[in-house]
Amino acid sequence: MSVGLAVPIFLVLLGIVFRGSSYVFRAYFAGDVRTQLYWGKVFSISSSITPLFLGIVIGAISGDAVLVDDGRSENGFLSTWLQPFPLIVGLLALSLFAYLSACYLTVETDDSELQGDFRKRALFSGFVSVVAAFSTYLVAENSAQRILDGLSRSPDCLLIEVGAAIATLVAFQALWSRSYPRARIAAAAQVGLIVIGWGFAQYPYVIRPELTIFNGASPPNILMEMEIAIALGAVILIPSLILLLLIFKRDGKSISASVDKPVSEAFTGGELL
C-alpha cells in the first residue's frame, strides 16, 4: 500500500502535519488578526485534505488496482488511485467528516445563532454524503465490482445498511427539529455503521485483490506479544484520555462562562484600558 498509494498517503500525512502546526501557530499569534486568518485558512485546507485522501486510499484498496511487484506499482503512482471509485469514496469520507463534526458542534455551544449555522452545515454535508454514497454503488460496477458484490450479497451487510439508513433518517429529522443531542447520537451511529458495513464487505481482504487478513498476518507469537502490549498500554492510555477530555470540557465551560459575563463584571476600568 505504501508503494502503490504513495502519493495519497503522503498527502494524508502532510495534511495531518499542517493541521497540527497551523493550530499551534494560530494560537501564538492571538494579537495579529491577519496572521490568525492566514493560519486559519491553512488549518481548514489541511483539515479537508486529510479525510479526502484518506477516503481515496480506502477506495483504492477496495478495488483491484493496487498491484505491486518487486517494489514497483504495476499501475503507476497515479492510475492506482486516480480513478472514479476512489475519488468518490474520498468525497464521501470528506462529507462524512464534515457532517459528523457539525452534528457534534451543535451540542458544544449554547448560542442559538451558532447552533443554526452548524445545523445548516450538517444538513448540507449530510445530503452530500448521501449522494456520494449512492454514487459509489453506480461507479463500483465498473471499477470495484467485488466490493459491490460484498455490499449487496452479504446478509450482514444488508442488515447494516438498513441500520445506517434508519440512523440517517433519524439524524436528519433530529437536525430539522433542532433536537441536537439526538442528532449527534444518530449521526455517530450512521457513520459507525457505514464503516462497519465496509469492513464486512471487504472481509477477508486487507487490500484487494491479493492481500488478505490470513496471508498478511504476522506469526502467532508476534500477534500474542502485540495483544499483551496493547492491553497494557490501554490501561495507561484510556484513563489518560478520559482525564484529558474532562479537563478540556471543564476549562471550556469556565472560559465560556467568563466570556458571557458583561464587560463591567469581567473587567475593571484599568484592566479594560
Protein backbone atom coordinates (compact mmCIF):
# COMPACT_ATOMS: atom_id res chain seq x y z
CA MET A 1 0.00 0.00 0.00
CA SER A 2 2.82 2.42 0.82
CA VAL A 3 4.26 1.82 -2.67
CA GLY A 4 1.14 1.75 -4.83
CA LEU A 5 -0.57 4.56 -2.91
CA ALA A 6 2.49 6.62 -2.01
CA VAL A 7 1.03 9.90 -3.30
CA PRO A 8 -2.32 9.95 -1.39
CA ILE A 9 -0.68 8.57 1.76
CA PHE A 10 1.93 11.34 1.61
CA LEU A 11 -0.84 13.93 1.23
CA VAL A 12 -2.72 12.44 4.21
CA LEU A 13 0.40 12.80 6.36
CA LEU A 14 1.07 16.27 5.00
CA GLY A 15 -2.45 17.34 5.94
CA ILE A 16 -2.02 15.96 9.47
CA VAL A 17 1.27 17.84 9.96
CA PHE A 18 -0.06 21.16 8.61
CA ARG A 19 -3.26 20.81 10.60
CA GLY A 20 -1.46 20.45 13.91
CA SER A 21 1.16 23.07 13.08
CA SER A 22 -1.34 25.70 11.94
CA TYR A 23 -3.40 25.18 15.09
CA VAL A 24 -0.37 25.97 17.26
CA PHE A 25 0.85 28.89 15.14
CA ARG A 26 -2.61 30.45 15.17
CA ALA A 27 -2.73 30.24 18.97
CA TYR A 28 0.61 32.04 19.33
CA PHE A 29 -0.49 34.95 17.12
CA ALA A 30 -3.59 35.87 19.11
CA GLY A 31 -2.93 39.61 18.69
CA ASP A 32 -2.44 39.57 14.92
CA VAL A 33 -5.76 39.14 13.13
CA ARG A 34 -4.25 38.85 9.64
CA THR A 35 -1.83 36.12 10.75
CA GLN A 36 -4.63 34.29 12.53
CA LEU A 37 -6.77 34.37 9.39
CA TYR A 38 -3.85 33.01 7.37
CA TRP A 39 -3.25 30.08 9.69
CA GLY A 40 -6.99 29.55 9.95
CA LYS A 41 -7.10 29.01 6.17
CA VAL A 42 -4.15 26.62 6.37
CA PHE A 43 -5.95 24.75 9.14
CA SER A 44 -9.21 24.45 7.15
CA ILE A 45 -7.48 23.35 3.93
CA SER A 46 -5.30 20.75 5.65
CA SER A 47 -8.32 19.51 7.65
CA SER A 48 -10.05 18.87 4.32
CA ILE A 49 -7.07 17.30 2.57
CA THR A 50 -6.60 14.59 5.18
CA PRO A 51 -10.08 12.96 5.11
CA LEU A 52 -10.33 13.40 1.34
CA PHE A 53 -7.16 11.43 0.57
CA LEU A 54 -7.79 9.00 3.43
CA GLY A 55 -11.07 8.12 1.71
CA ILE A 56 -9.24 7.83 -1.62
CA VAL A 57 -6.87 5.29 -0.04
CA ILE A 58 -9.83 3.31 1.30
CA GLY A 59 -11.48 3.37 -2.12
CA ALA A 60 -8.29 2.22 -3.82
CA ILE A 61 -7.69 -0.76 -1.52
CA SER A 62 -11.33 -1.78 -2.02
CA GLY A 63 -10.79 -2.20 -5.77
CA ASP A 64 -8.36 -4.35 -7.70
CA ALA A 65 -5.89 -1.66 -8.79
CA VAL A 66 -3.26 -1.78 -6.01
CA LEU A 67 -0.82 -4.24 -7.55
CA VAL A 68 2.85 -4.12 -6.55
CA ASP A 69 5.54 -6.45 -7.90
CA ASP A 70 9.11 -6.34 -6.60
CA GLY A 71 8.71 -2.86 -5.13
CA ARG A 72 7.07 -1.37 -8.24
CA SER A 73 3.49 -0.35 -8.75
CA GLU A 74 2.13 -2.13 -11.81
CA ASN A 75 -0.46 0.60 -12.42
CA GLY A 76 1.82 3.55 -11.74
CA PHE A 77 1.60 6.09 -8.97
CA LEU A 78 -1.45 7.91 -10.36
CA SER A 79 -3.72 5.41 -12.10
CA THR A 80 -3.79 3.22 -8.97
CA TRP A 81 -5.92 5.77 -7.12
CA LEU A 82 -6.82 8.49 -9.64
CA GLN A 83 -9.99 6.69 -10.71
CA PRO A 84 -13.72 7.46 -10.28
CA PHE A 85 -14.40 5.00 -7.46
CA PRO A 86 -11.55 6.06 -5.10
CA LEU A 87 -12.28 9.73 -5.81
CA ILE A 88 -15.97 9.36 -4.93
CA VAL A 89 -15.10 7.42 -1.78
CA GLY A 90 -12.77 10.30 -0.91
CA LEU A 91 -15.62 12.76 -1.35
CA LEU A 92 -17.82 10.50 0.78
CA ALA A 93 -15.22 10.44 3.57
CA LEU A 94 -14.79 14.22 3.46
CA SER A 95 -18.54 14.85 3.61
CA LEU A 96 -18.95 12.38 6.49
CA PHE A 97 -16.16 14.08 8.46
CA ALA A 98 -17.82 17.48 7.94
CA TYR A 99 -21.27 16.09 8.72
CA LEU A 100 -20.21 14.37 11.92
CA SER A 101 -18.23 17.34 13.21
CA ALA A 102 -21.10 19.77 12.50
CA CYS A 103 -23.55 17.50 14.35
CA TYR A 104 -21.21 17.32 17.35
CA LEU A 105 -20.64 21.08 17.41
CA THR A 106 -24.36 21.83 17.63
CA VAL A 107 -24.20 20.39 21.16
CA GLU A 108 -20.97 22.15 22.11
CA THR A 109 -22.46 25.66 22.07
CA ASP A 110 -25.48 27.32 23.68
CA ASP A 111 -25.52 30.14 21.13
CA SER A 112 -28.70 29.62 19.07
CA GLU A 113 -27.29 31.50 16.06
CA LEU A 114 -24.13 29.38 16.07
CA GLN A 115 -26.19 26.22 16.51
CA GLY A 116 -28.25 27.21 13.49
CA ASP A 117 -25.10 27.68 11.42
CA PHE A 118 -23.76 24.25 12.39
CA ARG A 119 -27.22 22.78 11.72
CA LYS A 120 -27.20 24.12 8.15
CA ARG A 121 -23.70 22.76 7.61
CA ALA A 122 -24.70 19.36 8.99
CA LEU A 123 -27.77 19.14 6.73
CA PHE A 124 -25.79 20.17 3.64
CA SER A 125 -22.82 17.86 4.25
CA GLY A 126 -25.18 15.05 5.22
CA PHE A 127 -27.04 15.46 1.93
CA VAL A 128 -23.73 15.41 0.03
CA SER A 129 -22.71 12.21 1.85
CA VAL A 130 -25.98 10.51 0.87
CA VAL A 131 -25.47 11.46 -2.79
CA ALA A 132 -21.84 10.31 -2.65
CA ALA A 133 -22.86 7.00 -1.04
CA PHE A 134 -25.33 6.24 -3.84
CA SER A 135 -22.73 7.29 -6.41
CA THR A 136 -20.26 4.72 -5.08
CA TYR A 137 -22.75 1.96 -5.94
CA LEU A 138 -23.09 3.24 -9.50
CA VAL A 139 -19.36 3.66 -10.13
CA ALA A 140 -18.38 0.39 -8.40
CA GLU A 141 -19.96 -1.65 -11.21
CA ASN A 142 -17.07 -0.72 -13.48
CA SER A 143 -14.06 -0.45 -11.18
CA ALA A 144 -14.87 -2.19 -7.86
CA GLN A 145 -17.30 -4.98 -8.66
CA ARG A 146 -16.08 -7.25 -5.86
CA ILE A 147 -16.72 -4.73 -3.08
CA LEU A 148 -20.13 -4.10 -4.65
CA ASP A 149 -20.86 -7.83 -4.53
CA GLY A 150 -19.86 -7.86 -0.87
CA LEU A 151 -22.18 -4.96 -0.09
CA SER A 152 -25.17 -6.33 -1.99
CA ARG A 153 -24.99 -10.08 -1.43
CA SER A 154 -23.98 -10.43 2.20
CA PRO A 155 -26.96 -10.65 4.60
CA ASP A 156 -24.88 -8.99 7.32
CA CYS A 157 -24.08 -6.05 5.05
CA LEU A 158 -27.71 -5.64 4.05
CA LEU A 159 -28.76 -5.55 7.70
CA ILE A 160 -26.05 -3.00 8.50
CA GLU A 161 -27.08 -0.87 5.51
CA VAL A 162 -30.69 -0.83 6.70
CA GLY A 163 -29.48 0.25 10.14
CA ALA A 164 -27.39 3.02 8.59
CA ALA A 165 -30.37 4.21 6.54
CA ILE A 166 -32.58 4.33 9.64
CA ALA A 167 -29.88 6.23 11.57
CA THR A 168 -29.61 8.69 8.67
CA LEU A 169 -33.34 9.41 8.72
CA VAL A 170 -33.32 9.82 12.50
CA ALA A 171 -30.34 12.18 12.33
CA PHE A 172 -31.89 14.33 9.59
CA GLN A 173 -35.22 14.51 11.42
CA ALA A 174 -33.44 15.46 14.65
CA LEU A 175 -31.46 18.19 12.88
CA TRP A 176 -34.60 19.51 11.21
CA SER A 177 -36.44 19.66 14.56
CA ARG A 178 -33.34 21.02 16.33
CA SER A 179 -33.03 18.03 18.66
CA TYR A 180 -29.25 18.28 18.67
CA PRO A 181 -28.30 15.63 21.29
CA ARG A 182 -30.38 13.04 19.42
CA ALA A 183 -28.88 14.17 16.11
CA ARG A 184 -25.37 13.65 17.44
CA ILE A 185 -26.10 10.10 18.61
CA ALA A 186 -27.85 9.17 15.37
CA ALA A 187 -25.07 10.68 13.21
CA ALA A 188 -22.43 8.77 15.16
CA ALA A 189 -24.41 5.54 14.69
CA GLN A 190 -24.84 6.27 10.98
CA VAL A 191 -21.14 6.83 10.30
CA GLY A 192 -20.14 3.91 12.51
CA LEU A 193 -22.46 1.55 10.65
CA ILE A 194 -21.10 2.74 7.30
CA VAL A 195 -17.56 1.89 8.40
CA ILE A 196 -18.64 -1.48 9.83
CA GLY A 197 -20.55 -2.29 6.64
CA TRP A 198 -17.47 -1.56 4.54
CA GLY A 199 -15.45 -3.86 6.81
CA PHE A 200 -17.90 -6.73 6.30
CA ALA A 201 -17.92 -6.18 2.53
CA GLN A 202 -14.12 -6.03 2.40
CA TYR A 203 -13.58 -9.16 4.54
CA PRO A 204 -11.27 -11.07 4.38
CA TYR A 205 -9.21 -8.70 2.22
CA VAL A 206 -6.95 -6.01 3.60
CA ILE A 207 -6.01 -4.86 0.08
CA ARG A 208 -7.80 -6.35 -2.89
CA PRO A 209 -7.17 -8.47 -4.89
CA GLU A 210 -4.35 -10.39 -3.18
CA LEU A 211 -3.61 -9.40 0.43
CA THR A 212 -5.97 -10.93 2.99
CA ILE A 213 -6.02 -10.97 6.77
CA PHE A 214 -4.73 -14.54 6.70
CA ASN A 215 -1.86 -14.39 4.21
CA GLY A 216 -0.75 -11.00 5.53
CA ALA A 217 -0.81 -11.85 9.23
CA SER A 218 2.29 -11.91 11.41
CA PRO A 219 3.38 -15.15 13.13
CA PRO A 220 1.21 -16.18 16.13
CA ASN A 221 3.91 -15.37 18.71
CA ILE A 222 4.20 -11.79 17.37
CA LEU A 223 0.42 -11.36 17.44
CA MET A 224 0.29 -12.56 21.05
CA GLU A 225 3.01 -10.14 22.12
CA MET A 226 1.23 -7.30 20.34
CA GLU A 227 -2.03 -8.12 22.12
CA ILE A 228 -0.28 -8.06 25.50
CA ALA A 229 1.47 -4.77 24.71
CA ILE A 230 -1.75 -3.12 23.52
CA ALA A 231 -3.68 -4.33 26.58
CA LEU A 232 -1.03 -2.97 28.95
CA GLY A 233 -0.86 0.30 27.04
CA ALA A 234 -4.63 0.69 27.16
CA VAL A 235 -4.55 0.56 30.97
CA ILE A 236 -2.49 3.77 30.89
CA LEU A 237 -3.84 5.40 27.71
CA ILE A 238 -7.61 5.16 28.22
CA PRO A 239 -7.71 6.77 31.72
CA SER A 240 -5.31 9.48 30.45
CA LEU A 241 -7.59 10.30 27.52
CA ILE A 242 -10.63 10.44 29.81
CA LEU A 243 -8.80 12.82 32.16
CA LEU A 244 -7.70 14.97 29.22
CA LEU A 245 -11.26 15.27 27.90
CA LEU A 246 -12.63 16.10 31.36
CA ILE A 247 -10.04 18.86 31.81
CA PHE A 248 -10.76 20.39 28.41
CA LYS A 249 -14.53 20.24 28.97
CA ARG A 250 -14.22 21.91 32.36
CA ASP A 251 -11.86 24.62 31.13
CA GLY A 252 -14.02 25.24 28.07
CA LYS A 253 -17.11 25.78 30.18
CA SER A 254 -15.30 28.15 32.54
CA ILE A 255 -13.97 30.18 29.59
CA SER A 256 -17.44 30.36 28.02
CA ALA A 257 -18.92 31.50 31.30
CA SER A 258 -16.38 34.29 31.67
CA VAL A 259 -16.92 35.45 28.08
CA ASP A 260 -20.69 35.59 28.58
CA LYS A 261 -20.36 37.94 31.55
CA PRO A 262 -20.99 41.64 30.99
CA VAL A 263 -17.86 43.69 30.44
CA SER A 264 -18.49 45.59 33.65
CA GLU A 265 -18.35 42.35 35.63
CA ALA A 266 -15.42 40.77 33.79
CA PHE A 267 -13.06 43.75 33.81
CA THR A 268 -12.31 46.70 35.98
CA GLY A 269 -11.75 50.08 34.34
CA GLY A 270 -7.96 49.76 34.49
CA GLU A 271 -7.93 46.23 33.08
CA LEU A 272 -10.29 47.24 30.28
CA LEU A 273 -7.91 50.08 29.29
